[in-house]
Amino acid sequence: MNNKVSHVMRFSVITNIILAITKIVSGLFFKCNALVSDGIHSLSDLITDFVAIIGGIFANKPADEKHPYGHGKIEYLTSLIIGLVVLFIGCTLIYESFNKTFIIPNMLVIVVSIFTIISKLLLSNYIIKEGEKINNKILVASGKESRMDVISSIVVLVSIVFMQLSKYVSFLKYSDLVASIIVGLFIIYTAINIIRDNYSIIIGEQETDVAYLNKIKKEIKSIPQVLSIKSLVIMKYGHKSSLNLIIGMDGNITIKEAHKYADLIEEKIRNKNDKIEFINIHIEPYE
């Protein structure tokens, strides 16, 4: 795992430990079941963080004889595991919500809840931003799960306020149950998105960003000897990609000249696209 990813994940782990302990201890002390459940949900972030760290270590292993394109797809497999863990947590929270007792919590839990919401929001935004900056699926998946924790905490905060009002409006005592179900459904939705996105890449997915592909084609066509681009396919391998290119050139040039132009194309692509690790260029006579 590169230093940047490792730093972000360590920061995430430490922050989640602090937030989870704060929620659980406060929930137990002030008799708020919803906050205890939210703390347990925060602990789930630790699970995904540890899975992400392990996955990142294996994903960055260098290429070998059996894996010439490296081990980058382990990154997507790790994200898939994170999605399955999040799915399990969402289903469990919904199931457990039907076994909770109705207790009106202490007003101080509102302050604790607001503090954890702000902290978690800042953390999730930081993780997602760093993940997108270095094009790391693991960080983005972990950040999205953390963001769902923010939503669940907001729902819990609303339910705590409603529970305070249940002394005057009796049916509001069910707000804790409703909040738990809503939180569970949000978590399940996020899990399904994570699983869907990474499953597609694991079985084989090519780059479909038109703007990105056009940018690369423009670089290739800037070489006058390239008369046509017959095929351009970029396959994703973790944070790195492979490019397979078929181009047309003058059929009368020598093999030595064709090789020189192929090297020039590869150099231009690598200079402008640092996430393309593997390049295969096939030259055909232009018709």
C-alpha atoms as a PDB file:
ATOM      1  CA  MET A   1       0.000   0.000   0.000  1.00  0.00           C
ATOM      2  CA  ASN A   2       1.423   3.395  -0.916  1.00  0.00           C
ATOM      3  CA  ASN A   3       2.165   5.897   1.828  1.00  0.00           C
ATOM      4  CA  LYS A   4      -0.809   8.135   1.011  1.00  0.00           C
ATOM      5  CA  VAL A   5      -3.396   5.361   1.262  1.00  0.00           C
ATOM      6  CA  SER A   6      -1.767   4.026   4.424  1.00  0.00           C
ATOM      7  CA  HIS A   7      -1.858   7.482   6.043  1.00  0.00           C
ATOM      8  CA  VAL A   8      -5.540   8.029   5.190  1.00  0.00           C
ATOM      9  CA  MET A   9      -6.542   4.593   6.497  1.00  0.00           C
ATOM     10  CA  ARG A  10      -4.628   5.021   9.768  1.00  0.00           C
ATOM     11  CA  PHE A  11      -6.308   8.363  10.332  1.00  0.00           C
ATOM     12  CA  SER A  12      -9.700   6.786   9.573  1.00  0.00           C
ATOM     13  CA  VAL A  13      -9.123   3.904  11.998  1.00  0.00           C
ATOM     14  CA  ILE A  14      -8.098   6.181  14.876  1.00  0.00           C
ATOM     15  CA  THR A  15     -11.029   8.541  14.296  1.00  0.00           C
ATOM     16  CA  ASN A  16     -13.565   5.696  14.062  1.00  0.00           C
ATOM     17  CA  ILE A  17     -12.303   4.151  17.293  1.00  0.00           C
ATOM     18  CA  ILE A  18     -12.740   7.461  19.111  1.00  0.00           C
ATOM     19  CA  LEU A  19     -16.221   8.060  17.657  1.00  0.00           C
ATOM     20  CA  ALA A  20     -17.422   4.515  18.287  1.00  0.00           C
ATOM     21  CA  ILE A  21     -16.295   4.552  21.919  1.00  0.00           C
ATOM     22  CA  THR A  22     -17.865   7.994  22.413  1.00  0.00           C
ATOM     23  CA  LYS A  23     -21.223   6.811  21.056  1.00  0.00           C
ATOM     24  CA  ILE A  24     -21.328   3.498  22.925  1.00  0.00           C
ATOM     25  CA  VAL A  25     -20.190   4.877  26.301  1.00  0.00           C
ATOM     26  CA  SER A  26     -22.535   7.893  26.041  1.00  0.00           C
ATOM     27  CA  GLY A  27     -25.414   5.695  24.933  1.00  0.00           C
ATOM     28  CA  LEU A  28     -24.947   3.321  27.851  1.00  0.00           C
ATOM     29  CA  PHE A  29     -24.451   6.106  30.393  1.00  0.00           C
ATOM     30  CA  PHE A  30     -27.426   8.177  29.230  1.00  0.00           C
ATOM     31  CA  LYS A  31     -29.603   5.108  28.468  1.00  0.00           C
ATOM     32  CA  CYS A  32     -29.968   5.688  24.734  1.00  0.00           C
ATOM     33  CA  ASN A  33     -30.250   2.438  22.764  1.00  0.00           C
ATOM     34  CA  ALA A  34     -30.220   4.272  19.436  1.00  0.00           C
ATOM     35  CA  LEU A  35     -26.838   5.858  20.168  1.00  0.00           C
ATOM     36  CA  VAL A  36     -25.389   2.509  21.276  1.00  0.00           C
ATOM     37  CA  SER A  37     -26.555   0.976  17.970  1.00  0.00           C
ATOM     38  CA  ASP A  38     -25.029   3.893  16.093  1.00  0.00           C
ATOM     39  CA  GLY A  39     -21.757   3.257  17.923  1.00  0.00           C
ATOM     40  CA  ILE A  40     -21.842  -0.391  16.871  1.00  0.00           C
ATOM     41  CA  HIS A  41     -22.439   0.823  13.310  1.00  0.00           C
ATOM     42  CA  SER A  42     -19.318   2.988  13.608  1.00  0.00           C
ATOM     43  CA  LEU A  43     -17.361  -0.083  14.630  1.00  0.00           C
ATOM     44  CA  SER A  44     -18.303  -1.566  11.264  1.00  0.00           C
ATOM     45  CA  ASP A  45     -16.160   1.143   9.680  1.00  0.00           C
ATOM     46  CA  LEU A  46     -13.189  -0.344  11.498  1.00  0.00           C
ATOM     47  CA  ILE A  47     -13.904  -3.700   9.878  1.00  0.00           C
ATOM     48  CA  THR A  48     -13.978  -2.144   6.412  1.00  0.00           C
ATOM     49  CA  ASP A  49     -10.832  -0.139   7.166  1.00  0.00           C
ATOM     50  CA  PHE A  50      -8.870  -3.235   8.193  1.00  0.00           C
ATOM     51  CA  VAL A  51     -10.119  -5.127   5.138  1.00  0.00           C
ATOM     52  CA  ALA A  52      -9.111  -2.145   2.996  1.00  0.00           C
ATOM     53  CA  ILE A  53      -5.603  -2.070   4.489  1.00  0.00           C
ATOM     54  CA  ILE A  54      -5.068  -5.792   3.884  1.00  0.00           C
ATOM     55  CA  GLY A  55      -6.490  -5.547   0.354  1.00  0.00           C
ATOM     56  CA  GLY A  56      -4.289  -2.564  -0.448  1.00  0.00           C
ATOM     57  CA  ILE A  57      -1.156  -4.456   0.588  1.00  0.00           C
ATOM     58  CA  PHE A  58      -1.921  -7.356  -1.754  1.00  0.00           C
ATOM     59  CA  ALA A  59      -3.158  -5.088  -4.582  1.00  0.00           C
ATOM     60  CA  ASN A  60       0.215  -3.342  -4.758  1.00  0.00           C
ATOM     61  CA  LYS A  61       2.252  -6.518  -5.068  1.00  0.00           C
ATOM     62  CA  PRO A  62       4.420  -6.347  -8.196  1.00  0.00           C
ATOM     63  CA  ALA A  63       3.642  -8.359 -11.315  1.00  0.00           C
ATOM     64  CA  ASP A  64       4.947 -11.914 -11.473  1.00  0.00           C
ATOM     65  CA  GLU A  65       5.039 -14.815 -13.921  1.00  0.00           C
ATOM     66  CA  LYS A  66       1.434 -15.867 -13.260  1.00  0.00           C
ATOM     67  CA  HIS A  67       0.104 -12.313 -12.972  1.00  0.00           C
ATOM     68  CA  PRO A  68       1.820 -10.200 -15.660  1.00  0.00           C
ATOM     69  CA  TYR A  69      -0.653  -7.347 -15.106  1.00  0.00           C
ATOM     70  CA  GLY A  70      -0.001  -7.239 -11.380  1.00  0.00           C
ATOM     71  CA  HIS A  71      -2.472  -7.824  -8.560  1.00  0.00           C
ATOM     72  CA  GLY A  72      -4.505  -4.617  -8.897  1.00  0.00           C
ATOM     73  CA  LYS A  73      -7.855  -6.400  -9.179  1.00  0.00           C
ATOM     74  CA  ILE A  74      -7.519  -7.403  -5.526  1.00  0.00           C
ATOM     75  CA  GLU A  75      -8.477  -3.775  -4.899  1.00  0.00           C
ATOM     76  CA  TYR A  76     -11.897  -4.420  -6.433  1.00  0.00           C
ATOM     77  CA  LEU A  77     -12.245  -7.746  -4.619  1.00  0.00           C
ATOM     78  CA  THR A  78     -11.535  -5.933  -1.356  1.00  0.00           C
ATOM     79  CA  SER A  79     -14.167  -3.313  -2.153  1.00  0.00           C
ATOM     80  CA  LEU A  80     -16.598  -6.145  -2.917  1.00  0.00           C
ATOM     81  CA  ILE A  81     -15.949  -7.634   0.530  1.00  0.00           C
ATOM     82  CA  ILE A  82     -16.558  -4.211   2.070  1.00  0.00           C
ATOM     83  CA  GLY A  83     -19.898  -4.070   0.232  1.00  0.00           C
ATOM     84  CA  LEU A  84     -20.912  -7.494   1.586  1.00  0.00           C
ATOM     85  CA  VAL A  85     -19.949  -6.474   5.148  1.00  0.00           C
ATOM     86  CA  VAL A  86     -21.988  -3.278   4.841  1.00  0.00           C
ATOM     87  CA  LEU A  87     -24.949  -5.281   3.472  1.00  0.00           C
ATOM     88  CA  PHE A  88     -24.816  -7.632   6.467  1.00  0.00           C
ATOM     89  CA  ILE A  89     -24.685  -4.694   8.889  1.00  0.00           C
ATOM     90  CA  GLY A  90     -27.702  -3.037   7.265  1.00  0.00           C
ATOM     91  CA  CYS A  91     -29.807  -6.205   7.470  1.00  0.00           C
ATOM     92  CA  THR A  92     -28.706  -6.820  11.075  1.00  0.00           C
ATOM     93  CA  LEU A  93     -29.624  -3.297  12.202  1.00  0.00           C
ATOM     94  CA  ILE A  94     -33.127  -3.656  10.764  1.00  0.00           C
ATOM     95  CA  TYR A  95     -33.598  -7.038  12.444  1.00  0.00           C
ATOM     96  CA  GLU A  96     -32.318  -5.843  15.829  1.00  0.00           C
ATOM     97  CA  SER A  97     -34.466  -2.709  15.750  1.00  0.00           C
ATOM     98  CA  PHE A  98     -37.572  -4.804  16.423  1.00  0.00           C
ATOM     99  CA  ASN A  99     -36.077  -6.062  19.711  1.00  0.00           C
ATOM    100  CA  LYS A 100     -35.361  -2.659  21.252  1.00  0.00           C
ATOM    101  CA  THR A 101     -37.148  -1.376  24.352  1.00  0.00           C
ATOM    102  CA  PHE A 102     -38.692   2.100  24.400  1.00  0.00           C
ATOM    103  CA  ILE A 103     -36.592   4.352  26.672  1.00  0.00           C
ATOM    104  CA  ILE A 104     -36.561   8.155  26.659  1.00  0.00           C
ATOM    105  CA  PRO A 105     -32.843   9.124  26.593  1.00  0.00           C
ATOM    106  CA  ASN A 106     -31.116  11.945  28.468  1.00  0.00           C
ATOM    107  CA  MET A 107     -31.070  15.307  26.659  1.00  0.00           C
ATOM    108  CA  LEU A 108     -27.241  15.386  26.739  1.00  0.00           C
ATOM    109  CA  VAL A 109     -27.101  12.663  24.094  1.00  0.00           C
ATOM    110  CA  ILE A 110     -28.232  15.286  21.580  1.00  0.00           C
ATOM    111  CA  VAL A 111     -24.968  17.176  22.112  1.00  0.00           C
ATOM    112  CA  VAL A 112     -22.946  13.973  21.736  1.00  0.00           C
ATOM    113  CA  SER A 113     -24.863  13.053  18.595  1.00  0.00           C
ATOM    114  CA  ILE A 114     -24.248  16.447  16.952  1.00  0.00           C
ATOM    115  CA  PHE A 115     -20.523  16.224  17.745  1.00  0.00           C
ATOM    116  CA  THR A 116     -20.191  12.763  16.181  1.00  0.00           C
ATOM    117  CA  ILE A 117     -22.160  13.822  13.087  1.00  0.00           C
ATOM    118  CA  ILE A 118     -19.847  16.759  12.368  1.00  0.00           C
ATOM    119  CA  SER A 119     -16.726  14.656  13.007  1.00  0.00           C
ATOM    120  CA  LYS A 120     -17.888  11.785  10.815  1.00  0.00           C
ATOM    121  CA  LEU A 121     -18.916  14.101   7.967  1.00  0.00           C
ATOM    122  CA  LEU A 122     -15.488  15.698   7.887  1.00  0.00           C
ATOM    123  CA  LEU A 123     -13.832  12.266   7.965  1.00  0.00           C
ATOM    124  CA  SER A 124     -15.940  10.764   5.160  1.00  0.00           C
ATOM    125  CA  ASN A 125     -15.440  13.765   2.881  1.00  0.00           C
ATOM    126  CA  TYR A 126     -11.682  13.596   3.484  1.00  0.00           C
ATOM    127  CA  ILE A 127     -11.472   9.861   2.675  1.00  0.00           C
ATOM    128  CA  ILE A 128     -13.553  10.138  -0.529  1.00  0.00           C
ATOM    129  CA  LYS A 129     -11.618  13.202  -1.707  1.00  0.00           C
ATOM    130  CA  GLU A 130      -8.260  11.484  -1.205  1.00  0.00           C
ATOM    131  CA  GLY A 131      -9.543   8.287  -2.839  1.00  0.00           C
ATOM    132  CA  GLU A 132     -10.717  10.134  -5.935  1.00  0.00           C
ATOM    133  CA  LYS A 133      -7.507  12.160  -6.081  1.00  0.00           C
ATOM    134  CA  ILE A 134      -5.333   9.031  -6.377  1.00  0.00           C
ATOM    135  CA  ASN A 135      -8.030   6.948  -8.142  1.00  0.00           C
ATOM    136  CA  ASN A 136      -8.211   4.361  -5.321  1.00  0.00           C
ATOM    137  CA  LYS A 137     -11.438   2.317  -5.186  1.00  0.00           C
ATOM    138  CA  ILE A 138     -10.754   1.081  -1.664  1.00  0.00           C
ATOM    139  CA  LEU A 139     -10.671   4.570  -0.163  1.00  0.00           C
ATOM    140  CA  VAL A 140     -13.755   5.664  -2.098  1.00  0.00           C
ATOM    141  CA  ALA A 141     -15.725   2.588  -0.927  1.00  0.00           C
ATOM    142  CA  SER A 142     -14.631   3.117   2.665  1.00  0.00           C
ATOM    143  CA  GLY A 143     -15.499   6.826   2.453  1.00  0.00           C
ATOM    144  CA  LYS A 144     -18.982   6.090   1.104  1.00  0.00           C
ATOM    145  CA  GLU A 145     -19.623   3.688   3.964  1.00  0.00           C
ATOM    146  CA  SER A 146     -18.475   6.391   6.388  1.00  0.00           C
ATOM    147  CA  ARG A 147     -20.848   8.876   4.749  1.00  0.00           C
ATOM    148  CA  MET A 148     -23.754   6.508   5.346  1.00  0.00           C
ATOM    149  CA  ASP A 149     -22.742   6.527   9.001  1.00  0.00           C
ATOM    150  CA  VAL A 150     -23.294  10.299   8.931  1.00  0.00           C
ATOM    151  CA  ILE A 151     -26.823   9.814   7.580  1.00  0.00           C
ATOM    152  CA  SER A 152     -27.567   7.151  10.173  1.00  0.00           C
ATOM    153  CA  SER A 153     -26.350   9.478  12.937  1.00  0.00           C
ATOM    154  CA  ILE A 154     -28.609  12.263  11.670  1.00  0.00           C
ATOM    155  CA  VAL A 155     -31.593   9.922  11.674  1.00  0.00           C
ATOM    156  CA  VAL A 156     -30.659   8.823  15.204  1.00  0.00           C
ATOM    157  CA  LEU A 157     -30.450  12.478  16.286  1.00  0.00           C
ATOM    158  CA  VAL A 158     -33.949  13.136  14.926  1.00  0.00           C
ATOM    159  CA  SER A 159     -35.268  10.036  16.678  1.00  0.00           C
ATOM    160  CA  ILE A 160     -33.714  11.189  19.985  1.00  0.00           C
ATOM    161  CA  VAL A 161     -35.497  14.534  19.678  1.00  0.00           C
ATOM    162  CA  PHE A 162     -38.792  12.792  18.877  1.00  0.00           C
ATOM    163  CA  MET A 163     -38.310  10.439  21.831  1.00  0.00           C
ATOM    164  CA  GLN A 164     -38.112  13.489  24.089  1.00  0.00           C
ATOM    165  CA  LEU A 165     -41.499  14.588  22.733  1.00  0.00           C
ATOM    166  CA  SER A 166     -43.063  11.160  23.255  1.00  0.00           C
ATOM    167  CA  LYS A 167     -43.992  12.272  26.786  1.00  0.00           C
ATOM    168  CA  TYR A 168     -46.578  14.463  25.112  1.00  0.00           C
ATOM    169  CA  VAL A 169     -47.327  12.507  21.931  1.00  0.00           C
ATOM    170  CA  SER A 170     -47.285   8.793  22.733  1.00  0.00           C
ATOM    171  CA  PHE A 171     -46.821   7.394  19.209  1.00  0.00           C
ATOM    172  CA  LEU A 172     -43.481   9.234  18.882  1.00  0.00           C
ATOM    173  CA  LYS A 173     -41.974   6.506  21.058  1.00  0.00           C
ATOM    174  CA  TYR A 174     -41.830   4.438  17.865  1.00  0.00           C
ATOM    175  CA  SER A 175     -39.495   6.972  16.230  1.00  0.00           C
ATOM    176  CA  ASP A 176     -36.501   4.921  17.347  1.00  0.00           C
ATOM    177  CA  LEU A 177     -37.843   1.860  15.500  1.00  0.00           C
ATOM    178  CA  VAL A 178     -38.614   3.864  12.349  1.00  0.00           C
ATOM    179  CA  ALA A 179     -35.190   5.535  12.452  1.00  0.00           C
ATOM    180  CA  SER A 180     -33.428   2.176  12.737  1.00  0.00           C
ATOM    181  CA  ILE A 181     -35.273   0.803   9.707  1.00  0.00           C
ATOM    182  CA  ILE A 182     -34.481   3.910   7.636  1.00  0.00           C
ATOM    183  CA  VAL A 183     -30.808   3.720   8.591  1.00  0.00           C
ATOM    184  CA  GLY A 184     -30.711   0.032   7.688  1.00  0.00           C
ATOM    185  CA  LEU A 185     -32.240   0.664   4.252  1.00  0.00           C
ATOM    186  CA  PHE A 186     -29.754   3.453   3.515  1.00  0.00           C
ATOM    187  CA  ILE A 187     -26.888   1.151   4.444  1.00  0.00           C
ATOM    188  CA  ILE A 188     -28.237  -1.676   2.269  1.00  0.00           C
ATOM    189  CA  TYR A 189     -28.583   0.734  -0.674  1.00  0.00           C
ATOM    190  CA  THR A 190     -24.953   1.818  -0.335  1.00  0.00           C
ATOM    191  CA  ALA A 191     -23.810  -1.797  -0.055  1.00  0.00           C
ATOM    192  CA  ILE A 192     -25.646  -2.780  -3.248  1.00  0.00           C
ATOM    193  CA  ASN A 193     -24.003   0.097  -5.142  1.00  0.00           C
ATOM    194  CA  ILE A 194     -20.520  -0.877  -3.920  1.00  0.00           C
ATOM    195  CA  ILE A 195     -21.090  -4.545  -4.816  1.00  0.00           C
ATOM    196  CA  ARG A 196     -22.510  -3.695  -8.251  1.00  0.00           C
ATOM    197  CA  ASP A 197     -19.687  -1.316  -9.207  1.00  0.00           C
ATOM    198  CA  ASN A 198     -16.866  -3.648  -8.212  1.00  0.00           C
ATOM    199  CA  TYR A 199     -18.419  -6.917  -9.387  1.00  0.00           C
ATOM    200  CA  SER A 200     -18.582  -5.523 -12.926  1.00  0.00           C
ATOM    201  CA  ILE A 201     -14.882  -4.648 -12.899  1.00  0.00           C
ATOM    202  CA  ILE A 202     -13.797  -7.984 -11.407  1.00  0.00           C
ATOM    203  CA  ILE A 203     -15.359  -9.950 -14.273  1.00  0.00           C
ATOM    204  CA  GLY A 204     -13.764  -7.509 -16.755  1.00  0.00           C
ATOM    205  CA  GLU A 205     -14.666  -3.888 -17.424  1.00  0.00           C
ATOM    206  CA  GLN A 206     -13.132  -1.414 -19.836  1.00  0.00           C
ATOM    207  CA  GLU A 207     -12.818   2.341 -19.477  1.00  0.00           C
ATOM    208  CA  THR A 208     -15.978   4.080 -20.761  1.00  0.00           C
ATOM    209  CA  ASP A 209     -15.213   7.710 -19.908  1.00  0.00           C
ATOM    210  CA  VAL A 210     -15.607   9.312 -23.361  1.00  0.00           C
ATOM    211  CA  ALA A 211     -13.759  12.504 -22.432  1.00  0.00           C
ATOM    212  CA  TYR A 212     -10.822  10.517 -21.069  1.00  0.00           C
ATOM    213  CA  LEU A 213     -10.681   8.252 -24.147  1.00  0.00           C
ATOM    214  CA  ASN A 214     -10.859  11.239 -26.503  1.00  0.00           C
ATOM    215  CA  LYS A 215      -7.986  12.869 -24.642  1.00  0.00           C
ATOM    216  CA  ILE A 216      -5.805   9.820 -25.243  1.00  0.00           C
ATOM    217  CA  LYS A 217      -6.872   9.605 -28.909  1.00  0.00           C
ATOM    218  CA  LYS A 218      -5.904  13.241 -29.353  1.00  0.00           C
ATOM    219  CA  GLU A 219      -2.405  12.486 -28.017  1.00  0.00           C
ATOM    220  CA  ILE A 220      -2.043   9.558 -30.411  1.00  0.00           C
ATOM    221  CA  LYS A 221      -3.303  11.506 -33.432  1.00  0.00           C
ATOM    222  CA  SER A 222      -0.846  14.314 -32.710  1.00  0.00           C
ATOM    223  CA  ILE A 223       1.778  12.060 -34.310  1.00  0.00           C
ATOM    224  CA  PRO A 224       1.486  12.695 -38.109  1.00  0.00           C
ATOM    225  CA  GLN A 225       2.397   9.118 -39.036  1.00  0.00           C
ATOM    226  CA  VAL A 226      -0.734   7.786 -37.307  1.00  0.00           C
ATOM    227  CA  LEU A 227      -3.331   7.741 -40.110  1.00  0.00           C
ATOM    228  CA  SER A 228      -6.126   5.997 -38.209  1.00  0.00           C
ATOM    229  CA  ILE A 229      -7.089   4.535 -34.827  1.00  0.00           C
ATOM    230  CA  LYS A 230      -8.847   1.235 -35.473  1.00  0.00           C
ATOM    231  CA  SER A 231      -9.256   0.175 -31.848  1.00  0.00           C
ATOM    232  CA  LEU A 232      -8.542   1.609 -28.395  1.00  0.00           C
ATOM    233  CA  VAL A 233      -9.422  -0.469 -25.335  1.00  0.00           C
ATOM    234  CA  ILE A 234      -8.408   0.358 -21.764  1.00  0.00           C
ATOM    235  CA  MET A 235      -8.945  -2.351 -19.141  1.00  0.00           C
ATOM    236  CA  LYS A 236      -8.926  -1.563 -15.430  1.00  0.00           C
ATOM    237  CA  TYR A 237      -6.512  -3.357 -13.098  1.00  0.00           C
ATOM    238  CA  GLY A 238      -6.918  -1.707  -9.711  1.00  0.00           C
ATOM    239  CA  HIS A 239      -5.402   1.781  -9.630  1.00  0.00           C
ATOM    240  CA  LYS A 240      -3.545   0.961 -12.875  1.00  0.00           C
ATOM    241  CA  SER A 241      -4.852   0.171 -16.378  1.00  0.00           C
ATOM    242  CA  SER A 242      -3.754  -1.596 -19.547  1.00  0.00           C
ATOM    243  CA  LEU A 243      -4.137  -0.054 -23.013  1.00  0.00           C
ATOM    244  CA  ASN A 244      -4.535  -2.098 -26.188  1.00  0.00           C
ATOM    245  CA  LEU A 245      -4.211  -0.031 -29.357  1.00  0.00           C
ATOM    246  CA  ILE A 246      -4.554  -0.838 -33.048  1.00  0.00           C
ATOM    247  CA  ILE A 247      -3.511   1.938 -35.427  1.00  0.00           C
ATOM    248  CA  GLY A 248      -3.086   2.350 -39.169  1.00  0.00           C
ATOM    249  CA  MET A 249       0.132   3.666 -40.755  1.00  0.00           C
ATOM    250  CA  ASP A 250       1.631   3.897 -44.206  1.00  0.00           C
ATOM    251  CA  GLY A 251       2.219   0.303 -45.362  1.00  0.00           C
ATOM    252  CA  ASN A 252       5.498   1.266 -47.048  1.00  0.00           C
ATOM    253  CA  ILE A 253       7.394   2.251 -43.891  1.00  0.00           C
ATOM    254  CA  THR A 254      10.002  -0.185 -42.518  1.00  0.00           C
ATOM    255  CA  ILE A 255       9.579  -2.274 -39.370  1.00  0.00           C
ATOM    256  CA  LYS A 256      12.297  -0.171 -37.750  1.00  0.00           C
ATOM    257  CA  GLU A 257      10.373   3.042 -38.476  1.00  0.00           C
ATOM    258  CA  ALA A 258       7.092   1.524 -37.231  1.00  0.00           C
ATOM    259  CA  HIS A 259       8.795   0.470 -34.014  1.00  0.00           C
ATOM    260  CA  LYS A 260      10.170   3.987 -33.535  1.00  0.00           C
ATOM    261  CA  TYR A 261       6.699   5.518 -33.900  1.00  0.00           C
ATOM    262  CA  ALA A 262       5.212   2.932 -31.528  1.00  0.00           C
ATOM    263  CA  ASP A 263       7.788   3.932 -28.891  1.00  0.00           C
ATOM    264  CA  LEU A 264       6.920   7.588 -29.469  1.00  0.00           C
ATOM    265  CA  ILE A 265       3.192   6.886 -28.996  1.00  0.00           C
ATOM    266  CA  GLU A 266       3.881   4.954 -25.802  1.00  0.00           C
ATOM    267  CA  GLU A 267       6.023   7.778 -24.444  1.00  0.00           C
ATOM    268  CA  LYS A 268       3.342  10.406 -25.132  1.00  0.00           C
ATOM    269  CA  ILE A 269       0.645   8.260 -23.475  1.00  0.00           C
ATOM    270  CA  ARG A 270       2.725   7.613 -20.359  1.00  0.00           C
ATOM    271  CA  ASN A 271       3.683  11.277 -20.001  1.00  0.00           C
ATOM    272  CA  LYS A 272       0.045  12.390 -19.889  1.00  0.00           C
ATOM    273  CA  ASN A 273      -1.645   9.352 -18.239  1.00  0.00           C
ATOM    274  CA  ASP A 274       0.100   8.065 -15.128  1.00  0.00           C
ATOM    275  CA  LYS A 275      -2.555   5.424 -14.373  1.00  0.00           C
ATOM    276  CA  ILE A 276      -1.860   3.514 -17.620  1.00  0.00           C
ATOM    277  CA  GLU A 277       0.761   0.943 -16.660  1.00  0.00           C
ATOM    278  CA  PHE A 278       0.619  -1.569 -19.510  1.00  0.00           C
ATOM    279  CA  ILE A 279       0.589  -0.591 -23.220  1.00  0.00           C
ATOM    280  CA  ASN A 280       0.260  -2.905 -26.221  1.00  0.00           C
ATOM    281  CA  ILE A 281       0.390  -1.315 -29.704  1.00  0.00           C
ATOM    282  CA  HIS A 282      -0.418  -3.167 -32.929  1.00  0.00           C
ATOM    283  CA  ILE A 283       0.321  -1.428 -36.253  1.00  0.00           C
ATOM    284  CA  GLU A 284      -1.504  -2.297 -39.463  1.00  0.00           C
ATOM    285  CA  PRO A 285      -1.198  -0.900 -43.033  1.00  0.00           C
ATOM    286  CA  TYR A 286      -3.565   2.028 -43.507  1.00  0.00           C
ATOM    287  CA  GLU A 287      -6.382   1.426 -45.990  1.00  0.00           C
END
